[in-house]
Amino acid sequence: MKYLTRTIWVLSFISLLTDVAGEMLYPVMPIYLRSIGFSVLLIGILEGIAEATAGLSKGYFGKLSDQRGRRAPFIQLGYTLSALSKPIMAVFVYPLWIFLARTADRLGKGIRTGARDALLSDEATPATKGRVFGFHRSMDTLGAVIGPALALVYLYLYPNEYRTLFFIAFVPGLLAIGLSFYLKDKKREQKENKTPVSFFSFLHYWKHSPAIYRRVVTGLLVFTLFNSSDVFLLLKIKQAGLSDAATIGVYIFYNLIYALAAFPLGILADSIGLKKIFIAGLFLFVLVYAGMAFTGSIYYYGFLFLLYGAYAAATEGISKAWISNITDKADTATAIGTYTGFQSICTMLASTVTGWLWLRFGAGLAFGTTAVVTFGVLLYFWLSIDAPTSHQSPEK
């Protein structure tokens, strides 16, 4: 596995540690927020605003990273901000402070994502993008197995003591910060354009981007517009009567499947095509959300989350590998940042709409609507988007 360079390993371990911190809190977050007075609708708005902040900043900082020809400083700053936001949510429990802390956490993600993914892309060849991004996703998601497992053990020993977890989560975040300083930038030429980068300047990339990029991203964004935060999946199984421990256990199981499958599916995607694996992932997503419209036992939800883990493994890293293969290397951070910027705006709308649909009509209609729309997106990719080759050049 010579294609897994030192930089890829360092980035992957940083992501693992950060996910240990973040995912230790993620399955507890909706329970904690409800315990301090947040409604389902307010949780949806909180998650939507937080993700929109991450998305818009991904585009801006991605563009800035490309213009300056630097990756490491953005990665270091982003992971630092996310780590520092964790204890704030435990110290200040008023809604405004929760909104600010959660937004700061997502801003850190926005600062680092474009630069990090561009650095991963720089370390790979077009023929190994699937496996490189897949390996990173596997390591990243392994942290999402360890984090909730630690939370599960802690809550078993100290039931309902949610706030202390936010302080515990600060420790792996600090380790990630330290590890990020082992990253070194490759020598890259800065772009000659010295024009200051405005916050929304990355939007201009859409007009000049390759046609295939616009077609692929359009399909991805329609899907995202109806793909709300995973918080709603956790709320669904919690309302079905599962205990806190069972809810976290199902989430750990999902992340374990995701972590185990992402790297092998990345290798498979390099062999048979990124598009085929991505469409297969969308089909699994349709099955999961259609299934979530009904109520079942812990085994029923366990099966759905098994499929959900396979879906995530087949789409998350694959979509970024696909985008990096159909855009100019010099614009990788901008291309991924532009996509994730629009994606997070759509996620904001999706989470808010899902929260409203759930509150007004119930969970069945909310999940069923997402399943129907996603099936339409699946057909769009199948019938309208050409399968990318390993050495596909950007089409203007």
Protein backbone atom coordinates (compact mmCIF):
# COMPACT_ATOMS: atom_id res chain seq x y z
CA MET A 1 0.00 0.00 0.00
CA LYS A 2 2.66 2.46 -1.07
CA TYR A 3 -0.06 4.88 -2.15
CA LEU A 4 -0.77 5.56 1.55
CA THR A 5 1.85 8.23 2.17
CA ARG A 6 2.98 9.70 5.48
CA THR A 7 0.73 12.73 4.92
CA ILE A 8 -2.32 10.51 4.32
CA TRP A 9 -1.62 8.61 7.54
CA VAL A 10 -1.20 11.82 9.56
CA LEU A 11 -4.39 13.34 8.14
CA SER A 12 -6.26 10.11 8.81
CA PHE A 13 -5.16 9.90 12.45
CA ILE A 14 -6.04 13.57 12.97
CA SER A 15 -9.52 12.87 11.62
CA LEU A 16 -9.80 9.77 13.80
CA LEU A 17 -9.00 11.73 16.97
CA THR A 18 -11.32 14.57 16.01
CA ASP A 19 -14.14 12.15 15.36
CA VAL A 20 -13.52 10.46 18.71
CA ALA A 21 -14.17 13.89 20.24
CA GLY A 22 -17.07 14.91 18.03
CA GLU A 23 -18.84 11.57 17.79
CA MET A 24 -18.55 11.02 21.53
CA LEU A 25 -21.04 13.88 21.72
CA TYR A 26 -23.09 13.41 18.55
CA PRO A 27 -25.44 10.59 19.67
CA VAL A 28 -25.79 12.30 23.04
CA MET A 29 -26.43 15.74 21.51
CA PRO A 30 -30.17 15.41 20.80
CA ILE A 31 -30.74 13.84 24.22
CA TYR A 32 -28.69 16.57 25.92
CA LEU A 33 -30.43 19.34 23.97
CA ARG A 34 -33.85 17.99 24.88
CA SER A 35 -32.76 17.83 28.53
CA ILE A 36 -31.97 21.59 28.54
CA GLY A 37 -35.23 22.56 26.84
CA PHE A 38 -34.70 22.33 23.07
CA SER A 39 -37.70 21.21 20.98
CA VAL A 40 -37.38 18.96 17.91
CA LEU A 41 -37.93 21.98 15.66
CA LEU A 42 -35.28 24.03 17.49
CA ILE A 43 -32.82 21.12 17.21
CA GLY A 44 -33.46 21.06 13.46
CA ILE A 45 -32.84 24.81 13.17
CA LEU A 46 -29.67 24.54 15.29
CA GLU A 47 -28.24 21.73 13.15
CA GLY A 48 -29.23 23.54 9.95
CA ILE A 49 -27.58 26.84 10.91
CA ALA A 50 -24.45 25.05 12.13
CA GLU A 51 -24.11 23.09 8.90
CA ALA A 52 -24.79 26.17 6.76
CA THR A 53 -21.98 28.00 8.57
CA ALA A 54 -19.64 25.09 7.89
CA GLY A 55 -20.65 24.96 4.25
CA LEU A 56 -20.27 28.62 3.42
CA SER A 57 -16.91 28.78 5.16
CA LYS A 58 -15.74 25.65 3.29
CA GLY A 59 -16.17 27.47 0.01
CA TYR A 60 -14.40 30.63 1.17
CA PHE A 61 -11.46 28.92 2.84
CA GLY A 62 -11.17 26.40 0.01
CA LYS A 63 -10.81 29.27 -2.44
CA LEU A 64 -8.32 30.99 -0.12
CA SER A 65 -6.27 27.79 0.19
CA ASP A 66 -6.06 27.41 -3.59
CA GLN A 67 -5.10 31.05 -4.10
CA ARG A 68 -2.37 30.98 -1.47
CA GLY A 69 -1.12 27.53 -2.37
CA ARG A 70 -1.21 26.52 1.32
CA ARG A 71 -2.99 23.62 3.02
CA ALA A 72 -1.46 22.99 6.47
CA PRO A 73 -2.32 26.33 8.17
CA PHE A 74 -6.00 25.97 7.31
CA ILE A 75 -6.05 22.40 8.57
CA GLN A 76 -4.35 23.37 11.84
CA LEU A 77 -6.63 26.35 12.52
CA GLY A 78 -9.76 24.40 11.68
CA TYR A 79 -9.04 21.51 14.03
CA THR A 80 -8.05 23.91 16.80
CA LEU A 81 -11.31 25.85 16.64
CA SER A 82 -13.41 22.68 16.66
CA ALA A 83 -11.57 21.31 19.70
CA LEU A 84 -11.94 24.51 21.70
CA SER A 85 -15.69 24.67 21.08
CA LYS A 86 -16.41 21.38 22.91
CA PRO A 87 -16.19 22.48 26.57
CA ILE A 88 -18.09 25.71 25.84
CA MET A 89 -21.32 23.76 25.28
CA ALA A 90 -21.07 22.32 28.78
CA VAL A 91 -20.19 25.57 30.52
CA PHE A 92 -22.88 27.71 28.86
CA VAL A 93 -26.27 26.00 28.53
CA TYR A 94 -28.39 28.94 27.35
CA PRO A 95 -29.72 28.55 23.77
CA LEU A 96 -27.74 31.49 22.35
CA TRP A 97 -24.43 30.14 23.70
CA ILE A 98 -25.27 26.64 22.45
CA PHE A 99 -25.90 28.10 18.99
CA LEU A 100 -22.60 30.01 19.08
CA ALA A 101 -20.56 27.03 20.31
CA ARG A 102 -22.08 24.61 17.82
CA THR A 103 -21.52 27.13 15.02
CA ALA A 104 -17.89 27.63 16.07
CA ASP A 105 -17.38 23.86 15.92
CA ARG A 106 -18.76 23.74 12.38
CA LEU A 107 -16.75 26.83 11.37
CA GLY A 108 -13.61 24.90 12.28
CA LYS A 109 -14.75 22.14 9.96
CA GLY A 110 -15.36 24.69 7.24
CA ILE A 111 -11.87 26.14 7.57
CA ARG A 112 -10.10 22.79 7.28
CA THR A 113 -12.22 20.68 4.90
CA GLY A 114 -11.30 22.08 1.50
CA ALA A 115 -7.59 22.25 2.30
CA ARG A 116 -7.58 18.76 3.87
CA ASP A 117 -9.38 17.12 0.95
CA ALA A 118 -7.16 18.94 -1.54
CA LEU A 119 -4.09 17.68 0.33
CA LEU A 120 -5.48 14.13 0.16
CA SER A 121 -6.11 14.58 -3.56
CA ASP A 122 -2.57 15.89 -4.06
CA GLU A 123 -1.21 12.72 -2.44
CA ALA A 124 -3.17 10.44 -4.82
CA THR A 125 -3.30 9.75 -8.55
CA PRO A 126 -6.56 9.71 -10.54
CA ALA A 127 -6.43 5.90 -10.45
CA THR A 128 -6.11 5.75 -6.63
CA LYS A 129 -8.51 8.52 -5.55
CA GLY A 130 -11.23 6.10 -4.46
CA ARG A 131 -8.98 4.09 -2.17
CA VAL A 132 -7.18 7.13 -0.71
CA PHE A 133 -10.42 8.94 0.13
CA GLY A 134 -11.92 5.62 1.23
CA PHE A 135 -9.03 4.92 3.60
CA HIS A 136 -9.34 8.39 5.10
CA ARG A 137 -13.08 7.89 5.57
CA SER A 138 -12.46 4.52 7.23
CA MET A 139 -10.02 6.03 9.72
CA ASP A 140 -12.23 9.07 10.26
CA THR A 141 -15.24 6.85 10.95
CA LEU A 142 -13.27 4.54 13.23
CA GLY A 143 -13.19 7.54 15.52
CA ALA A 144 -16.97 7.60 15.27
CA VAL A 145 -16.95 4.04 16.64
CA ILE A 146 -14.54 4.73 19.50
CA GLY A 147 -16.17 8.03 20.53
CA PRO A 148 -19.75 6.75 21.08
CA ALA A 149 -18.34 3.57 22.69
CA LEU A 150 -16.57 5.73 25.28
CA ALA A 151 -19.79 7.70 25.74
CA LEU A 152 -21.73 4.47 26.23
CA VAL A 153 -19.34 3.26 28.95
CA TYR A 154 -19.40 6.65 30.66
CA LEU A 155 -23.21 6.90 30.65
CA TYR A 156 -23.45 3.37 32.01
CA LEU A 157 -21.33 4.42 34.96
CA TYR A 158 -22.81 7.92 35.27
CA PRO A 159 -26.37 7.98 33.85
CA ASN A 160 -27.69 11.36 32.64
CA GLU A 161 -24.38 13.12 33.38
CA TYR A 162 -24.09 14.53 29.87
CA ARG A 163 -22.17 17.73 30.53
CA THR A 164 -18.97 16.04 31.74
CA LEU A 165 -18.68 14.29 28.37
CA PHE A 166 -18.05 17.64 26.71
CA PHE A 167 -14.93 18.11 28.85
CA ILE A 168 -13.76 14.55 28.20
CA ALA A 169 -14.16 15.13 24.45
CA PHE A 170 -11.70 18.02 24.70
CA VAL A 171 -8.78 15.61 25.30
CA PRO A 172 -8.66 13.83 21.88
CA GLY A 173 -9.29 17.21 20.28
CA LEU A 174 -6.08 18.52 21.85
CA LEU A 175 -4.17 15.45 20.59
CA ALA A 176 -5.46 16.15 17.07
CA ILE A 177 -4.23 19.73 17.28
CA GLY A 178 -0.74 18.55 18.23
CA LEU A 179 -0.64 15.99 15.44
CA SER A 180 -1.69 18.58 12.85
CA PHE A 181 1.64 20.36 13.26
CA TYR A 182 3.38 17.36 11.67
CA LEU A 183 1.75 18.27 8.37
CA LYS A 184 3.97 20.00 5.83
CA ASP A 185 2.90 21.79 2.69
CA LYS A 186 4.31 20.69 -0.63
CA LYS A 187 5.96 23.42 -2.61
CA ARG A 188 3.15 24.97 -4.64
CA GLU A 189 3.07 28.09 -6.74
CA GLN A 190 0.69 30.74 -5.51
CA LYS A 191 -1.74 31.98 -8.10
CA GLU A 192 -0.69 35.27 -9.62
CA ASN A 193 -4.10 36.80 -8.89
CA LYS A 194 -3.60 38.79 -5.71
CA THR A 195 -7.22 40.01 -5.55
CA PRO A 196 -8.57 39.67 -2.00
CA VAL A 197 -10.89 36.72 -1.60
CA SER A 198 -14.38 37.83 -0.55
CA PHE A 199 -16.53 35.50 1.52
CA PHE A 200 -18.73 34.61 -1.46
CA SER A 201 -16.09 34.80 -4.20
CA PHE A 202 -16.01 31.01 -4.48
CA LEU A 203 -19.49 31.20 -6.02
CA HIS A 204 -17.92 32.54 -9.22
CA TYR A 205 -16.24 29.16 -9.65
CA TRP A 206 -19.61 27.64 -10.51
CA LYS A 207 -19.86 29.75 -13.71
CA HIS A 208 -16.42 28.72 -14.94
CA SER A 209 -16.31 25.14 -13.68
CA PRO A 210 -16.32 22.09 -16.01
CA ALA A 211 -19.76 21.14 -17.31
CA ILE A 212 -19.51 17.63 -15.87
CA TYR A 213 -18.79 19.16 -12.45
CA ARG A 214 -21.98 21.22 -12.60
CA ARG A 215 -24.07 18.21 -13.63
CA VAL A 216 -22.68 15.96 -10.90
CA VAL A 217 -22.96 18.60 -8.18
CA THR A 218 -26.54 19.46 -9.20
CA GLY A 219 -27.59 15.86 -8.55
CA LEU A 220 -25.70 15.78 -5.26
CA LEU A 221 -27.37 18.97 -4.07
CA VAL A 222 -30.91 17.84 -4.88
CA PHE A 223 -30.19 14.73 -2.82
CA THR A 224 -28.80 16.82 0.04
CA LEU A 225 -31.85 19.09 -0.01
CA PHE A 226 -33.89 16.19 1.37
CA ASN A 227 -31.18 14.45 3.41
CA SER A 228 -31.49 15.90 6.90
CA SER A 229 -29.15 15.53 9.86
CA ASP A 230 -28.61 12.04 11.30
CA VAL A 231 -29.95 13.49 14.55
CA PHE A 232 -33.45 12.72 13.25
CA LEU A 233 -32.61 9.05 12.77
CA LEU A 234 -31.45 8.90 16.38
CA LEU A 235 -34.57 10.70 17.58
CA LYS A 236 -36.72 8.21 15.65
CA ILE A 237 -35.23 5.13 17.32
CA LYS A 238 -35.25 6.91 20.68
CA GLN A 239 -38.98 7.65 20.31
CA ALA A 240 -39.57 4.03 19.30
CA GLY A 241 -38.69 3.12 22.88
CA LEU A 242 -34.98 2.32 22.75
CA SER A 243 -32.92 3.27 25.79
CA ASP A 244 -30.04 5.75 25.68
CA ALA A 245 -27.61 2.82 25.68
CA ALA A 246 -29.42 1.05 22.83
CA THR A 247 -29.63 4.27 20.79
CA ILE A 248 -25.89 4.88 21.14
CA GLY A 249 -25.21 1.18 20.49
CA VAL A 250 -27.07 1.27 17.18
CA TYR A 251 -25.13 4.40 16.20
CA ILE A 252 -21.83 2.71 17.06
CA PHE A 253 -22.84 -0.26 14.93
CA TYR A 254 -23.61 2.04 11.98
CA ASN A 255 -20.20 3.72 12.23
CA LEU A 256 -18.44 0.36 12.55
CA ILE A 257 -20.02 -0.80 9.28
CA TYR A 258 -19.10 2.54 7.70
CA ALA A 259 -15.49 2.30 8.90
CA LEU A 260 -15.07 -1.30 7.75
CA ALA A 261 -16.65 -0.76 4.33
CA ALA A 262 -15.27 2.62 3.18
CA PHE A 263 -11.74 1.48 2.27
CA PRO A 264 -12.77 -1.74 0.43
CA LEU A 265 -15.51 0.13 -1.44
CA GLY A 266 -12.97 2.81 -2.40
CA ILE A 267 -10.71 0.11 -3.86
CA LEU A 268 -13.70 -1.42 -5.66
CA ALA A 269 -14.72 1.98 -7.01
CA ASP A 270 -11.26 2.47 -8.52
CA SER A 271 -11.73 -0.87 -10.27
CA ILE A 272 -15.34 -0.78 -11.53
CA GLY A 273 -16.11 2.94 -11.47
CA LEU A 274 -16.96 5.66 -8.96
CA LYS A 275 -20.43 6.19 -10.44
CA LYS A 276 -21.53 2.57 -9.96
CA ILE A 277 -20.57 2.49 -6.30
CA PHE A 278 -22.16 5.87 -5.67
CA ILE A 279 -25.50 4.84 -7.23
CA ALA A 280 -25.47 1.61 -5.21
CA GLY A 281 -25.06 3.75 -2.10
CA LEU A 282 -28.06 5.90 -3.01
CA PHE A 283 -30.17 2.76 -3.44
CA LEU A 284 -29.26 1.66 0.09
CA PHE A 285 -30.20 5.12 1.37
CA VAL A 286 -33.66 4.79 -0.22
CA LEU A 287 -34.17 1.46 1.56
CA VAL A 288 -33.12 2.93 4.91
CA TYR A 289 -35.36 6.00 4.81
CA ALA A 290 -38.33 4.02 3.51
CA GLY A 291 -37.77 1.61 6.41
CA MET A 292 -37.52 4.46 8.92
CA ALA A 293 -41.09 5.46 8.06
CA PHE A 294 -42.17 2.41 10.08
CA THR A 295 -41.63 1.34 13.68
CA GLY A 296 -39.77 -1.82 14.61
CA SER A 297 -37.58 -3.55 17.16
CA ILE A 298 -33.93 -2.93 17.95
CA TYR A 299 -33.04 -5.69 15.44
CA TYR A 300 -35.08 -3.94 12.76
CA TYR A 301 -33.27 -0.66 13.36
CA GLY A 302 -29.97 -2.49 13.60
CA PHE A 303 -30.49 -3.86 10.08
CA LEU A 304 -31.42 -0.41 8.76
CA PHE A 305 -28.32 1.13 10.30
CA LEU A 306 -26.21 -1.65 8.79
CA LEU A 307 -27.51 -0.59 5.37
CA TYR A 308 -26.99 3.06 6.35
CA GLY A 309 -23.34 2.41 7.16
CA ALA A 310 -22.85 0.78 3.76
CA TYR A 311 -24.60 3.75 2.10
CA ALA A 312 -22.25 6.24 3.79
CA ALA A 313 -19.19 4.19 2.86
CA ALA A 314 -20.31 4.12 -0.78
CA THR A 315 -20.99 7.85 -1.11
CA GLU A 316 -19.06 10.15 1.26
CA GLY A 317 -15.48 9.63 0.11
CA ILE A 318 -16.55 8.52 -3.37
CA SER A 319 -18.29 11.82 -4.13
CA LYS A 320 -15.16 13.83 -3.25
CA ALA A 321 -12.93 11.47 -5.21
CA TRP A 322 -15.28 11.87 -8.17
CA ILE A 323 -15.22 15.68 -7.94
CA SER A 324 -11.42 15.79 -7.64
CA ASN A 325 -11.12 13.66 -10.80
CA ILE A 326 -13.32 15.92 -12.94
CA THR A 327 -11.80 19.28 -11.98
CA ASP A 328 -8.46 21.01 -12.44
CA LYS A 329 -5.88 20.08 -9.80
CA ALA A 330 -5.18 23.75 -9.07
CA ASP A 331 -8.84 24.27 -8.14
CA THR A 332 -9.41 21.14 -6.03
CA ALA A 333 -10.06 22.92 -2.72
CA THR A 334 -12.29 25.48 -4.45
CA ALA A 335 -14.25 22.77 -6.29
CA ILE A 336 -14.82 20.68 -3.16
CA GLY A 337 -15.42 23.81 -1.07
CA THR A 338 -17.99 25.14 -3.56
CA TYR A 339 -19.82 21.80 -3.56
CA THR A 340 -19.79 21.48 0.23
CA GLY A 341 -20.83 25.13 0.56
CA PHE A 342 -23.98 24.57 -1.46
CA GLN A 343 -24.38 21.19 0.24
CA SER A 344 -24.53 22.69 3.71
CA ILE A 345 -27.06 25.32 2.67
CA CYS A 346 -29.22 22.47 1.39
CA THR A 347 -28.61 20.58 4.64
CA MET A 348 -29.82 23.60 6.59
CA LEU A 349 -33.04 23.61 4.60
CA ALA A 350 -33.35 19.82 4.81
CA SER A 351 -32.98 19.72 8.59
CA THR A 352 -35.40 22.61 9.10
CA VAL A 353 -37.99 21.14 6.72
CA THR A 354 -37.67 17.67 8.23
CA GLY A 355 -38.13 19.09 11.72
CA TRP A 356 -41.28 20.91 10.54
CA LEU A 357 -42.69 17.89 8.67
CA TRP A 358 -42.05 15.68 11.68
CA LEU A 359 -43.70 18.14 14.07
CA ARG A 360 -46.73 18.68 11.80
CA PHE A 361 -47.30 15.33 10.08
CA GLY A 362 -45.14 12.80 11.89
CA ALA A 363 -41.87 10.95 11.24
CA GLY A 364 -43.37 8.60 8.62
CA LEU A 365 -44.08 11.36 6.10
CA ALA A 366 -40.73 13.08 6.77
CA PHE A 367 -38.69 9.94 6.07
CA GLY A 368 -40.94 8.75 3.22
CA THR A 369 -40.56 12.05 1.35
CA THR A 370 -36.77 11.78 1.53
CA ALA A 371 -36.86 8.21 0.18
CA VAL A 372 -39.00 9.15 -2.83
CA VAL A 373 -36.86 12.14 -3.81
CA THR A 374 -33.64 10.17 -3.43
CA PHE A 375 -34.91 7.50 -5.79
CA GLY A 376 -35.45 10.25 -8.38
CA VAL A 377 -31.87 11.44 -7.87
CA LEU A 378 -30.65 7.87 -8.31
CA LEU A 379 -32.36 7.71 -11.72
CA TYR A 380 -30.82 11.07 -12.66
CA PHE A 381 -27.29 9.83 -12.00
CA TRP A 382 -27.96 6.52 -13.71
CA LEU A 383 -29.45 8.00 -16.89
CA SER A 384 -27.92 11.48 -17.20
CA ILE A 385 -24.32 11.39 -15.90
CA ASP A 386 -21.52 9.68 -17.78
CA ALA A 387 -19.38 7.36 -15.70
CA PRO A 388 -15.98 9.01 -14.98
CA THR A 389 -12.80 7.28 -16.05
CA SER A 390 -9.62 7.29 -14.01
CA HIS A 391 -8.01 9.84 -16.30
CA GLN A 392 -11.03 11.92 -17.27
CA SER A 393 -10.07 15.49 -18.06
CA PRO A 394 -12.30 18.42 -17.08
CA GLU A 395 -14.88 19.22 -19.75
CA LYS A 396 -15.40 22.94 -20.22
